PDB file of N, CA and C in Angstrom:
ATOM      1  N   UNK A   1      21.323 -26.101 -14.560  1.00  0.00           N
ATOM      2  CA  UNK A   1      20.071 -25.650 -15.143  1.00  0.00           C
ATOM      3  C   UNK A   1      18.901 -26.006 -14.210  1.00  0.00           C
ATOM      4  N   UNK A   2      18.956 -27.146 -13.578  1.00  0.00           N
ATOM      5  CA  UNK A   2      17.903 -27.557 -12.653  1.00  0.00           C
ATOM      6  C   UNK A   2      17.853 -26.623 -11.443  1.00  0.00           C
ATOM      7  N   UNK A   3      18.999 -26.163 -10.974  1.00  0.00           N
ATOM      8  CA  UNK A   3      19.061 -25.238  -9.840  1.00  0.00           C
ATOM      9  C   UNK A   3      18.345 -23.931 -10.173  1.00  0.00           C
ATOM     10  N   UNK A   4      18.509 -23.438 -11.386  1.00  0.00           N
ATOM     11  CA  UNK A   4      17.883 -22.187 -11.816  1.00  0.00           C
ATOM     12  C   UNK A   4      16.361 -22.329 -11.827  1.00  0.00           C
ATOM     13  N   UNK A   5      15.847 -23.473 -12.265  1.00  0.00           N
ATOM     14  CA  UNK A   5      14.401 -23.700 -12.284  1.00  0.00           C
ATOM     15  C   UNK A   5      13.835 -23.638 -10.871  1.00  0.00           C
ATOM     16  N   UNK A   6      14.507 -24.260  -9.917  1.00  0.00           N
ATOM     17  CA  UNK A   6      14.071 -24.197  -8.525  1.00  0.00           C
ATOM     18  C   UNK A   6      14.048 -22.777  -8.006  1.00  0.00           C
ATOM     19  N   UNK A   7      15.005 -21.979  -8.387  1.00  0.00           N
ATOM     20  CA  UNK A   7      15.072 -20.580  -7.978  1.00  0.00           C
ATOM     21  C   UNK A   7      13.896 -19.798  -8.549  1.00  0.00           C
ATOM     22  N   UNK A   8      13.551 -20.045  -9.810  1.00  0.00           N
ATOM     23  CA  UNK A   8      12.428 -19.352 -10.443  1.00  0.00           C
ATOM     24  C   UNK A   8      11.115 -19.677  -9.753  1.00  0.00           C
ATOM     25  N   UNK A   9      10.935 -20.927  -9.371  1.00  0.00           N
ATOM     26  CA  UNK A   9       9.709 -21.334  -8.673  1.00  0.00           C
ATOM     27  C   UNK A   9       9.608 -20.629  -7.325  1.00  0.00           C
ATOM     28  N   UNK A  10      10.691 -20.537  -6.605  1.00  0.00           N
ATOM     29  CA  UNK A  10      10.691 -19.848  -5.308  1.00  0.00           C
ATOM     30  C   UNK A  10      10.349 -18.369  -5.492  1.00  0.00           C
ATOM     31  N   UNK A  11      10.931 -17.721  -6.474  1.00  0.00           N
ATOM     32  CA  UNK A  11      10.664 -16.304  -6.729  1.00  0.00           C
ATOM     33  C   UNK A  11       9.197 -16.104  -7.083  1.00  0.00           C
ATOM     34  N   UNK A  12       8.633 -16.988  -7.912  1.00  0.00           N
ATOM     35  CA  UNK A  12       7.231 -16.872  -8.311  1.00  0.00           C
ATOM     36  C   UNK A  12       6.304 -17.027  -7.111  1.00  0.00           C
ATOM     37  N   UNK A  13       6.620 -17.925  -6.189  1.00  0.00           N
ATOM     38  CA  UNK A  13       5.747 -18.136  -5.038  1.00  0.00           C
ATOM     39  C   UNK A  13       5.802 -16.961  -4.064  1.00  0.00           C
ATOM     40  N   UNK A  14       6.896 -16.240  -4.020  1.00  0.00           N
ATOM     41  CA  UNK A  14       7.020 -15.090  -3.127  1.00  0.00           C
ATOM     42  C   UNK A  14       6.046 -13.991  -3.535  1.00  0.00           C
ATOM     43  N   UNK A  15       5.760 -13.873  -4.828  1.00  0.00           N
ATOM     44  CA  UNK A  15       4.837 -12.833  -5.276  1.00  0.00           C
ATOM     45  C   UNK A  15       3.405 -13.131  -4.836  1.00  0.00           C
ATOM     46  N   UNK A  16       3.068 -14.406  -4.594  1.00  0.00           N
ATOM     47  CA  UNK A  16       1.722 -14.774  -4.169  1.00  0.00           C
ATOM     48  C   UNK A  16       1.560 -14.725  -2.655  1.00  0.00           C
ATOM     49  N   UNK A  17       2.639 -14.915  -1.947  1.00  0.00           N
ATOM     50  CA  UNK A  17       2.608 -14.953  -0.489  1.00  0.00           C
ATOM     51  C   UNK A  17       3.625 -13.947   0.050  1.00  0.00           C
ATOM     52  N   UNK A  18       3.397 -13.517   1.275  1.00  0.00           N
ATOM     53  CA  UNK A  18       4.222 -12.456   1.808  1.00  0.00           C
ATOM     54  C   UNK A  18       4.465 -12.675   3.291  1.00  0.00           C
ATOM     55  N   UNK A  19       5.715 -12.622   3.722  1.00  0.00           N
ATOM     56  CA  UNK A  19       6.022 -12.693   5.149  1.00  0.00           C
ATOM     57  C   UNK A  19       5.769 -11.321   5.757  1.00  0.00           C
ATOM     58  N   UNK A  20       4.907 -11.262   6.762  1.00  0.00           N
ATOM     59  CA  UNK A  20       4.513  -9.974   7.323  1.00  0.00           C
ATOM     60  C   UNK A  20       4.753  -9.891   8.823  1.00  0.00           C
ATOM     61  N   UNK A  21       5.609 -10.742   9.343  1.00  0.00           N
ATOM     62  CA  UNK A  21       5.822 -10.722  10.788  1.00  0.00           C
ATOM     63  C   UNK A  21       7.197 -11.266  11.120  1.00  0.00           C
ATOM     64  N   UNK A  22       7.563 -11.257  12.388  1.00  0.00           N
ATOM     65  CA  UNK A  22       8.893 -11.677  12.809  1.00  0.00           C
ATOM     66  C   UNK A  22       8.849 -12.818  13.815  1.00  0.00           C
ATOM     67  N   UNK A  23      10.007 -13.390  14.076  1.00  0.00           N
ATOM     68  CA  UNK A  23      10.151 -14.506  15.006  1.00  0.00           C
ATOM     69  C   UNK A  23      10.456 -14.026  16.426  1.00  0.00           C
ATOM     70  N   UNK A  24       9.956 -14.775  17.403  1.00  0.00           N
ATOM     71  CA  UNK A  24      10.428 -14.692  18.789  1.00  0.00           C
ATOM     72  C   UNK A  24      10.646 -16.129  19.239  1.00  0.00           C
ATOM     73  N   UNK A  25      11.105 -16.362  20.448  1.00  0.00           N
ATOM     74  CA  UNK A  25      11.429 -17.715  20.899  1.00  0.00           C
ATOM     75  C   UNK A  25      10.239 -18.670  20.887  1.00  0.00           C
ATOM     76  N   UNK A  26       9.031 -18.165  21.142  1.00  0.00           N
ATOM     77  CA  UNK A  26       7.879 -19.063  21.253  1.00  0.00           C
ATOM     78  C   UNK A  26       6.950 -19.034  20.038  1.00  0.00           C
ATOM     79  N   UNK A  27       7.262 -18.206  19.015  1.00  0.00           N
ATOM     80  CA  UNK A  27       6.384 -18.163  17.851  1.00  0.00           C
ATOM     81  C   UNK A  27       6.683 -16.985  16.945  1.00  0.00           C
ATOM     82  N   UNK A  28       5.627 -16.519  16.265  1.00  0.00           N
ATOM     83  CA  UNK A  28       5.751 -15.413  15.306  1.00  0.00           C
ATOM     84  C   UNK A  28       4.886 -14.247  15.767  1.00  0.00           C
ATOM     85  N   UNK A  29       5.353 -13.048  15.512  1.00  0.00           N
ATOM     86  CA  UNK A  29       4.581 -11.851  15.829  1.00  0.00           C
ATOM     87  C   UNK A  29       4.093 -11.254  14.509  1.00  0.00           C
ATOM     88  N   UNK A  30       2.769 -11.072  14.377  1.00  0.00           N
ATOM     89  CA  UNK A  30       2.232 -10.545  13.124  1.00  0.00           C
ATOM     90  C   UNK A  30       2.358  -9.035  13.063  1.00  0.00           C
ATOM     91  N   UNK A  31       1.876  -8.445  11.962  1.00  0.00           N
ATOM     92  CA  UNK A  31       2.030  -7.000  11.751  1.00  0.00           C
ATOM     93  C   UNK A  31       1.289  -6.162  12.788  1.00  0.00           C
ATOM     94  N   UNK A  32       0.334  -6.767  13.508  1.00  0.00           N
ATOM     95  CA  UNK A  32      -0.401  -6.053  14.552  1.00  0.00           C
ATOM     96  C   UNK A  32       0.195  -6.268  15.941  1.00  0.00           C
ATOM     97  N   UNK A  33       1.330  -6.995  15.995  1.00  0.00           N
ATOM     98  CA  UNK A  33       1.991  -7.248  17.266  1.00  0.00           C
ATOM     99  C   UNK A  33       1.419  -8.424  18.043  1.00  0.00           C
ATOM    100  N   UNK A  34       0.559  -9.237  17.406  1.00  0.00           N
ATOM    101  CA  UNK A  34      -0.050 -10.390  18.061  1.00  0.00           C
ATOM    102  C   UNK A  34       0.878 -11.599  17.921  1.00  0.00           C
ATOM    103  N   UNK A  35       1.083 -12.322  19.025  1.00  0.00           N
ATOM    104  CA  UNK A  35       1.942 -13.503  19.027  1.00  0.00           C
ATOM    105  C   UNK A  35       1.139 -14.728  18.582  1.00  0.00           C
ATOM    106  N   UNK A  36       1.682 -15.479  17.630  1.00  0.00           N
ATOM    107  CA  UNK A  36       1.091 -16.738  17.174  1.00  0.00           C
ATOM    108  C   UNK A  36       2.098 -17.841  17.441  1.00  0.00           C
ATOM    109  N   UNK A  37       1.662 -18.920  18.075  1.00  0.00           N
ATOM    110  CA  UNK A  37       2.558 -20.024  18.419  1.00  0.00           C
ATOM    111  C   UNK A  37       3.048 -20.723  17.159  1.00  0.00           C
ATOM    112  N   UNK A  38       4.204 -21.402  17.262  1.00  0.00           N
ATOM    113  CA  UNK A  38       4.702 -22.208  16.162  1.00  0.00           C
ATOM    114  C   UNK A  38       3.656 -23.261  15.799  1.00  0.00           C
ATOM    115  N   UNK A  39       3.590 -23.639  14.530  1.00  0.00           N
ATOM    116  CA  UNK A  39       2.636 -24.616  13.994  1.00  0.00           C
ATOM    117  C   UNK A  39       1.194 -24.139  14.090  1.00  0.00           C
ATOM    118  N   UNK A  40       0.976 -22.825  14.018  1.00  0.00           N
ATOM    119  CA  UNK A  40      -0.391 -22.296  14.039  1.00  0.00           C
ATOM    120  C   UNK A  40      -0.729 -21.656  12.698  1.00  0.00           C
ATOM    121  N   UNK A  41      -2.033 -21.565  12.417  1.00  0.00           N
ATOM    122  CA  UNK A  41      -2.544 -20.921  11.203  1.00  0.00           C
ATOM    123  C   UNK A  41      -3.680 -20.002  11.610  1.00  0.00           C
ATOM    124  N   UNK A  42      -3.865 -18.911  10.864  1.00  0.00           N
ATOM    125  CA  UNK A  42      -4.961 -17.992  11.144  1.00  0.00           C
ATOM    126  C   UNK A  42      -5.318 -17.234   9.879  1.00  0.00           C
ATOM    127  N   UNK A  43      -6.497 -16.627   9.872  1.00  0.00           N
ATOM    128  CA  UNK A  43      -6.967 -15.811   8.750  1.00  0.00           C
ATOM    129  C   UNK A  43      -7.032 -14.369   9.222  1.00  0.00           C
ATOM    130  N   UNK A  44      -6.550 -13.448   8.395  1.00  0.00           N
ATOM    131  CA  UNK A  44      -6.560 -12.033   8.767  1.00  0.00           C
ATOM    132  C   UNK A  44      -7.820 -11.346   8.241  1.00  0.00           C
ATOM    133  N   UNK A  45      -8.064 -10.133   8.737  1.00  0.00           N
ATOM    134  CA  UNK A  45      -9.225  -9.352   8.304  1.00  0.00           C
ATOM    135  C   UNK A  45      -9.149  -8.977   6.827  1.00  0.00           C
ATOM    136  N   UNK A  46      -7.928  -8.889   6.284  1.00  0.00           N
ATOM    137  CA  UNK A  46      -7.792  -8.515   4.875  1.00  0.00           C
ATOM    138  C   UNK A  46      -7.616  -9.734   3.955  1.00  0.00           C
ATOM    139  N   UNK A  47      -8.247 -10.848   4.350  1.00  0.00           N
ATOM    140  CA  UNK A  47      -8.347 -12.054   3.501  1.00  0.00           C
ATOM    141  C   UNK A  47      -6.991 -12.695   3.199  1.00  0.00           C
ATOM    142  N   UNK A  48      -6.157 -12.828   4.211  1.00  0.00           N
ATOM    143  CA  UNK A  48      -4.887 -13.522   4.084  1.00  0.00           C
ATOM    144  C   UNK A  48      -4.926 -14.764   4.969  1.00  0.00           C
ATOM    145  N   UNK A  49      -4.382 -15.860   4.473  1.00  0.00           N
ATOM    146  CA  UNK A  49      -4.209 -17.070   5.268  1.00  0.00           C
ATOM    147  C   UNK A  49      -2.749 -17.087   5.701  1.00  0.00           C
ATOM    148  N   UNK A  50      -2.506 -17.095   7.010  1.00  0.00           N
ATOM    149  CA  UNK A  50      -1.139 -17.010   7.531  1.00  0.00           C
ATOM    150  C   UNK A  50      -0.777 -18.269   8.310  1.00  0.00           C
ATOM    151  N   UNK A  51       0.500 -18.567   8.341  1.00  0.00           N
ATOM    152  CA  UNK A  51       0.981 -19.708   9.124  1.00  0.00           C
ATOM    153  C   UNK A  51       2.334 -19.373   9.728  1.00  0.00           C
ATOM    154  N   UNK A  52       2.624 -20.054  10.828  1.00  0.00           N
ATOM    155  CA  UNK A  52       3.873 -19.848  11.551  1.00  0.00           C
ATOM    156  C   UNK A  52       4.442 -21.199  11.952  1.00  0.00           C
ATOM    157  N   UNK A  53       5.680 -21.464  11.581  1.00  0.00           N
ATOM    158  CA  UNK A  53       6.386 -22.653  12.060  1.00  0.00           C
ATOM    159  C   UNK A  53       7.824 -22.247  12.342  1.00  0.00           C
ATOM    160  N   UNK A  54       8.610 -23.158  12.898  1.00  0.00           N
ATOM    161  CA  UNK A  54      10.005 -22.844  13.192  1.00  0.00           C
ATOM    162  C   UNK A  54      10.813 -22.666  11.905  1.00  0.00           C
ATOM    163  N   UNK A  55      10.352 -23.281  10.801  1.00  0.00           N
ATOM    164  CA  UNK A  55      11.075 -23.212   9.535  1.00  0.00           C
ATOM    165  C   UNK A  55      10.604 -22.067   8.635  1.00  0.00           C
ATOM    166  N   UNK A  56       9.311 -21.823   8.592  1.00  0.00           N
ATOM    167  CA  UNK A  56       8.773 -20.825   7.667  1.00  0.00           C
ATOM    168  C   UNK A  56       7.664 -20.011   8.326  1.00  0.00           C
ATOM    169  N   UNK A  57       7.428 -18.839   7.760  1.00  0.00           N
ATOM    170  CA  UNK A  57       6.313 -18.016   8.193  1.00  0.00           C
ATOM    171  C   UNK A  57       5.889 -17.164   7.010  1.00  0.00           C
ATOM    172  N   UNK A  58       4.600 -16.892   6.897  1.00  0.00           N
ATOM    173  CA  UNK A  58       4.146 -16.072   5.792  1.00  0.00           C
ATOM    174  C   UNK A  58       2.642 -16.062   5.658  1.00  0.00           C
ATOM    175  N   UNK A  59       2.160 -15.236   4.736  1.00  0.00           N
ATOM    176  CA  UNK A  59       0.738 -15.093   4.471  1.00  0.00           C
ATOM    177  C   UNK A  59       0.494 -15.181   2.977  1.00  0.00           C
ATOM    178  N   UNK A  60      -0.627 -15.769   2.599  1.00  0.00           N
ATOM    179  CA  UNK A  60      -1.034 -15.883   1.207  1.00  0.00           C
ATOM    180  C   UNK A  60      -2.458 -15.371   1.075  1.00  0.00           C
ATOM    181  N   UNK A  61      -2.739 -14.738  -0.046  1.00  0.00           N
ATOM    182  CA  UNK A  61      -4.085 -14.216  -0.290  1.00  0.00           C
ATOM    183  C   UNK A  61      -5.079 -15.352  -0.486  1.00  0.00           C
ATOM    184  N   UNK A  62      -6.272 -15.206   0.092  1.00  0.00           N
ATOM    185  CA  UNK A  62      -7.350 -16.166  -0.082  1.00  0.00           C
ATOM    186  C   UNK A  62      -8.281 -15.761  -1.229  1.00  0.00           C
ATOM    187  N   UNK A  63      -8.042 -14.590  -1.803  1.00  0.00           N
ATOM    188  CA  UNK A  63      -8.953 -14.021  -2.787  1.00  0.00           C
ATOM    189  C   UNK A  63      -8.612 -14.499  -4.198  1.00  0.00           C
ATOM    190  N   UNK A  64      -9.623 -14.994  -4.908  1.00  0.00           N
ATOM    191  CA  UNK A  64      -9.495 -15.317  -6.328  1.00  0.00           C
ATOM    192  C   UNK A  64     -10.230 -14.217  -7.085  1.00  0.00           C
ATOM    193  N   UNK A  65      -9.487 -13.439  -7.885  1.00  0.00           N
ATOM    194  CA  UNK A  65     -10.031 -12.268  -8.563  1.00  0.00           C
ATOM    195  C   UNK A  65     -10.425 -12.615  -9.995  1.00  0.00           C
ATOM    196  N   UNK A  66     -11.694 -12.413 -10.346  1.00  0.00           N
ATOM    197  CA  UNK A  66     -12.113 -12.682 -11.725  1.00  0.00           C
ATOM    198  C   UNK A  66     -11.446 -11.699 -12.687  1.00  0.00           C
ATOM    199  N   UNK A  67     -10.956 -12.202 -13.837  1.00  0.00           N
ATOM    200  CA  UNK A  67     -10.234 -11.358 -14.777  1.00  0.00           C
ATOM    201  C   UNK A  67     -10.865 -11.328 -16.165  1.00  0.00           C
ATOM    202  N   UNK A  68     -11.355 -12.460 -16.663  1.00  0.00           N
ATOM    203  CA  UNK A  68     -11.846 -12.510 -18.034  1.00  0.00           C
ATOM    204  C   UNK A  68     -13.364 -12.708 -18.024  1.00  0.00           C
ATOM    205  N   UNK A  69     -14.082 -11.620 -18.251  1.00  0.00           N
ATOM    206  CA  UNK A  69     -15.538 -11.633 -18.357  1.00  0.00           C
ATOM    207  C   UNK A  69     -15.956 -10.407 -19.160  1.00  0.00           C
ATOM    208  N   UNK A  70     -17.213 -10.327 -19.535  1.00  0.00           N
ATOM    209  CA  UNK A  70     -17.723  -9.219 -20.342  1.00  0.00           C
ATOM    210  C   UNK A  70     -17.807  -7.964 -19.455  1.00  0.00           C
ATOM    211  N   UNK A  71     -16.779  -7.118 -19.504  1.00  0.00           N
ATOM    212  CA  UNK A  71     -16.709  -5.959 -18.611  1.00  0.00           C
ATOM    213  C   UNK A  71     -17.693  -4.851 -18.980  1.00  0.00           C
ATOM    214  N   UNK A  72     -18.181  -4.853 -20.202  1.00  0.00           N
ATOM    215  CA  UNK A  72     -19.176  -3.850 -20.591  1.00  0.00           C
ATOM    216  C   UNK A  72     -20.547  -4.200 -20.020  1.00  0.00           C
ATOM    217  N   UNK A  73     -20.849  -5.487 -19.985  1.00  0.00           N
ATOM    218  CA  UNK A  73     -22.158  -5.956 -19.530  1.00  0.00           C
ATOM    219  C   UNK A  73     -22.162  -6.268 -18.027  1.00  0.00           C
ATOM    220  N   UNK A  74     -21.008  -6.630 -17.495  1.00  0.00           N
ATOM    221  CA  UNK A  74     -20.943  -7.163 -16.122  1.00  0.00           C
ATOM    222  C   UNK A  74     -19.966  -6.385 -15.241  1.00  0.00           C
ATOM    223  N   UNK A  75     -20.099  -6.583 -13.932  1.00  0.00           N
ATOM    224  CA  UNK A  75     -19.170  -5.997 -12.966  1.00  0.00           C
ATOM    225  C   UNK A  75     -18.905  -7.000 -11.860  1.00  0.00           C
ATOM    226  N   UNK A  76     -17.718  -6.903 -11.252  1.00  0.00           N
ATOM    227  CA  UNK A  76     -17.389  -7.793 -10.129  1.00  0.00           C
ATOM    228  C   UNK A  76     -17.616  -7.047  -8.818  1.00  0.00           C
ATOM    229  N   UNK A  77     -18.174  -7.776  -7.854  1.00  0.00           N
ATOM    230  CA  UNK A  77     -18.455  -7.214  -6.529  1.00  0.00           C
ATOM    231  C   UNK A  77     -17.704  -8.063  -5.504  1.00  0.00           C
ATOM    232  N   UNK A  78     -16.948  -7.399  -4.615  1.00  0.00           N
ATOM    233  CA  UNK A  78     -16.173  -8.105  -3.599  1.00  0.00           C
ATOM    234  C   UNK A  78     -16.962  -8.220  -2.299  1.00  0.00           C
ATOM    235  N   UNK A  79     -16.979  -9.422  -1.727  1.00  0.00           N
ATOM    236  CA  UNK A  79     -17.647  -9.685  -0.451  1.00  0.00           C
ATOM    237  C   UNK A  79     -16.583  -9.982   0.599  1.00  0.00           C
ATOM    238  N   UNK A  80     -16.347  -9.016   1.479  1.00  0.00           N
ATOM    239  CA  UNK A  80     -15.281  -9.121   2.481  1.00  0.00           C
ATOM    240  C   UNK A  80     -15.513 -10.277   3.454  1.00  0.00           C
ATOM    241  N   UNK A  81     -16.775 -10.554   3.792  1.00  0.00           N
ATOM    242  CA  UNK A  81     -17.092 -11.607   4.770  1.00  0.00           C
ATOM    243  C   UNK A  81     -16.608 -12.978   4.291  1.00  0.00           C
ATOM    244  N   UNK A  82     -16.715 -13.233   2.975  1.00  0.00           N
ATOM    245  CA  UNK A  82     -16.338 -14.531   2.427  1.00  0.00           C
ATOM    246  C   UNK A  82     -15.040 -14.476   1.625  1.00  0.00           C
ATOM    247  N   UNK A  83     -14.436 -13.295   1.520  1.00  0.00           N
ATOM    248  CA  UNK A  83     -13.200 -13.100   0.754  1.00  0.00           C
ATOM    249  C   UNK A  83     -13.374 -13.566  -0.693  1.00  0.00           C
ATOM    250  N   UNK A  84     -14.515 -13.241  -1.289  1.00  0.00           N
ATOM    251  CA  UNK A  84     -14.776 -13.710  -2.643  1.00  0.00           C
ATOM    252  C   UNK A  84     -15.450 -12.631  -3.491  1.00  0.00           C
ATOM    253  N   UNK A  85     -15.341 -12.812  -4.804  1.00  0.00           N
ATOM    254  CA  UNK A  85     -15.989 -11.925  -5.769  1.00  0.00           C
ATOM    255  C   UNK A  85     -17.181 -12.639  -6.390  1.00  0.00           C
ATOM    256  N   UNK A  86     -18.169 -11.856  -6.797  1.00  0.00           N
ATOM    257  CA  UNK A  86     -19.273 -12.351  -7.593  1.00  0.00           C
ATOM    258  C   UNK A  86     -19.343 -11.430  -8.810  1.00  0.00           C
ATOM    259  N   UNK A  87     -19.483 -12.011 -10.003  1.00  0.00           N
ATOM    260  CA  UNK A  87     -19.590 -11.221 -11.230  1.00  0.00           C
ATOM    261  C   UNK A  87     -21.043 -11.253 -11.676  1.00  0.00           C
ATOM    262  N   UNK A  88     -21.672 -10.072 -11.712  1.00  0.00           N
ATOM    263  CA  UNK A  88     -23.097  -9.958 -12.013  1.00  0.00           C
ATOM    264  C   UNK A  88     -23.326  -8.968 -13.151  1.00  0.00           C
ATOM    265  N   UNK A  89     -24.518  -9.051 -13.749  1.00  0.00           N
ATOM    266  CA  UNK A  89     -24.884  -8.107 -14.800  1.00  0.00           C
ATOM    267  C   UNK A  89     -25.108  -6.731 -14.187  1.00  0.00           C
ATOM    268  N   UNK A  90     -24.610  -5.687 -14.855  1.00  0.00           N
ATOM    269  CA  UNK A  90     -24.804  -4.322 -14.368  1.00  0.00           C
ATOM    270  C   UNK A  90     -26.281  -3.951 -14.367  1.00  0.00           C
ATOM    271  N   UNK A  91     -27.000  -4.356 -15.401  1.00  0.00           N
ATOM    272  CA  UNK A  91     -28.417  -4.007 -15.531  1.00  0.00           C
ATOM    273  C   UNK A  91     -29.299  -4.790 -14.563  1.00  0.00           C
ATOM    274  N   UNK A  92     -28.874  -6.017 -14.217  1.00  0.00           N
ATOM    275  CA  UNK A  92     -29.657  -6.867 -13.309  1.00  0.00           C
ATOM    276  C   UNK A  92     -28.706  -7.656 -12.412  1.00  0.00           C
ATOM    277  N   UNK A  93     -28.319  -7.087 -11.264  1.00  0.00           N
ATOM    278  CA  UNK A  93     -27.346  -7.736 -10.367  1.00  0.00           C
ATOM    279  C   UNK A  93     -27.785  -9.099  -9.819  1.00  0.00           C
ATOM    280  N   UNK A  94     -29.029  -9.494 -10.043  1.00  0.00           N
ATOM    281  CA  UNK A  94     -29.462 -10.823  -9.591  1.00  0.00           C
ATOM    282  C   UNK A  94     -28.992 -11.908 -10.569  1.00  0.00           C
ATOM    283  N   UNK A  95     -28.525 -11.513 -11.754  1.00  0.00           N
ATOM    284  CA  UNK A  95     -28.052 -12.473 -12.754  1.00  0.00           C
ATOM    285  C   UNK A  95     -26.531 -12.542 -12.748  1.00  0.00           C
ATOM    286  N   UNK A  96     -26.009 -13.776 -12.626  1.00  0.00           N
ATOM    287  CA  UNK A  96     -24.554 -13.987 -12.643  1.00  0.00           C
ATOM    288  C   UNK A  96     -24.047 -13.963 -14.065  1.00  0.00           C
ATOM    289  N   UNK A  97     -22.804 -13.524 -14.229  1.00  0.00           N
ATOM    290  CA  UNK A  97     -22.134 -13.523 -15.526  1.00  0.00           C
ATOM    291  C   UNK A  97     -21.142 -14.679 -15.585  1.00  0.00           C
ATOM    292  N   UNK A  98     -20.848 -15.098 -16.793  1.00  0.00           N
ATOM    293  CA  UNK A  98     -19.871 -16.162 -17.001  1.00  0.00           C
ATOM    294  C   UNK A  98     -18.469 -15.581 -16.884  1.00  0.00           C
ATOM    295  N   UNK A  99     -17.598 -16.280 -16.131  1.00  0.00           N
ATOM    296  CA  UNK A  99     -16.209 -15.860 -15.944  1.00  0.00           C
ATOM    297  C   UNK A  99     -15.318 -16.903 -16.618  1.00  0.00           C
ATOM    298  N   UNK A 100     -14.399 -16.435 -17.463  1.00  0.00           N
ATOM    299  CA  UNK A 100     -13.534 -17.362 -18.227  1.00  0.00           C
ATOM    300  C   UNK A 100     -12.114 -17.446 -17.678  1.00  0.00           C
ATOM    301  N   UNK A 101     -11.772 -16.606 -16.711  1.00  0.00           N
ATOM    302  CA  UNK A 101     -10.432 -16.647 -16.141  1.00  0.00           C
ATOM    303  C   UNK A 101     -10.377 -15.880 -14.834  1.00  0.00           C
ATOM    304  N   UNK A 102      -9.473 -16.313 -13.950  1.00  0.00           N
ATOM    305  CA  UNK A 102      -9.332 -15.662 -12.646  1.00  0.00           C
ATOM    306  C   UNK A 102      -7.890 -15.767 -12.183  1.00  0.00           C
ATOM    307  N   UNK A 103      -7.517 -14.878 -11.258  1.00  0.00           N
ATOM    308  CA  UNK A 103      -6.175 -14.880 -10.673  1.00  0.00           C
ATOM    309  C   UNK A 103      -6.331 -15.039  -9.177  1.00  0.00           C
ATOM    310  N   UNK A 104      -5.518 -15.929  -8.588  1.00  0.00           N
ATOM    311  CA  UNK A 104      -5.610 -16.147  -7.154  1.00  0.00           C
ATOM    312  C   UNK A 104      -4.272 -16.200  -6.507  1.00  0.00           C
TER     313      UNK A 104
END
């Protein structure tokens, strides 16, 4: 039963992170064909944090998406430069809205 729990945790983490590149002798090659040395980390243009080691390689999203807020009164705006959302009032975007839940 303990083995099954470990398997479930691994499956759940795969949905949050994604391997997007392959191995070569000196490191990992990302989806754009760029070589990254073992034990390196980098951030991609599409808000992913990636890492490469001899044991593992993969990318995880840096974006936390707001989910529970007043959608009739408010809207979420994505800022690519900071990989973040801001939830503001539709009628007055200078006013922030309260967010009660998010997914990251």
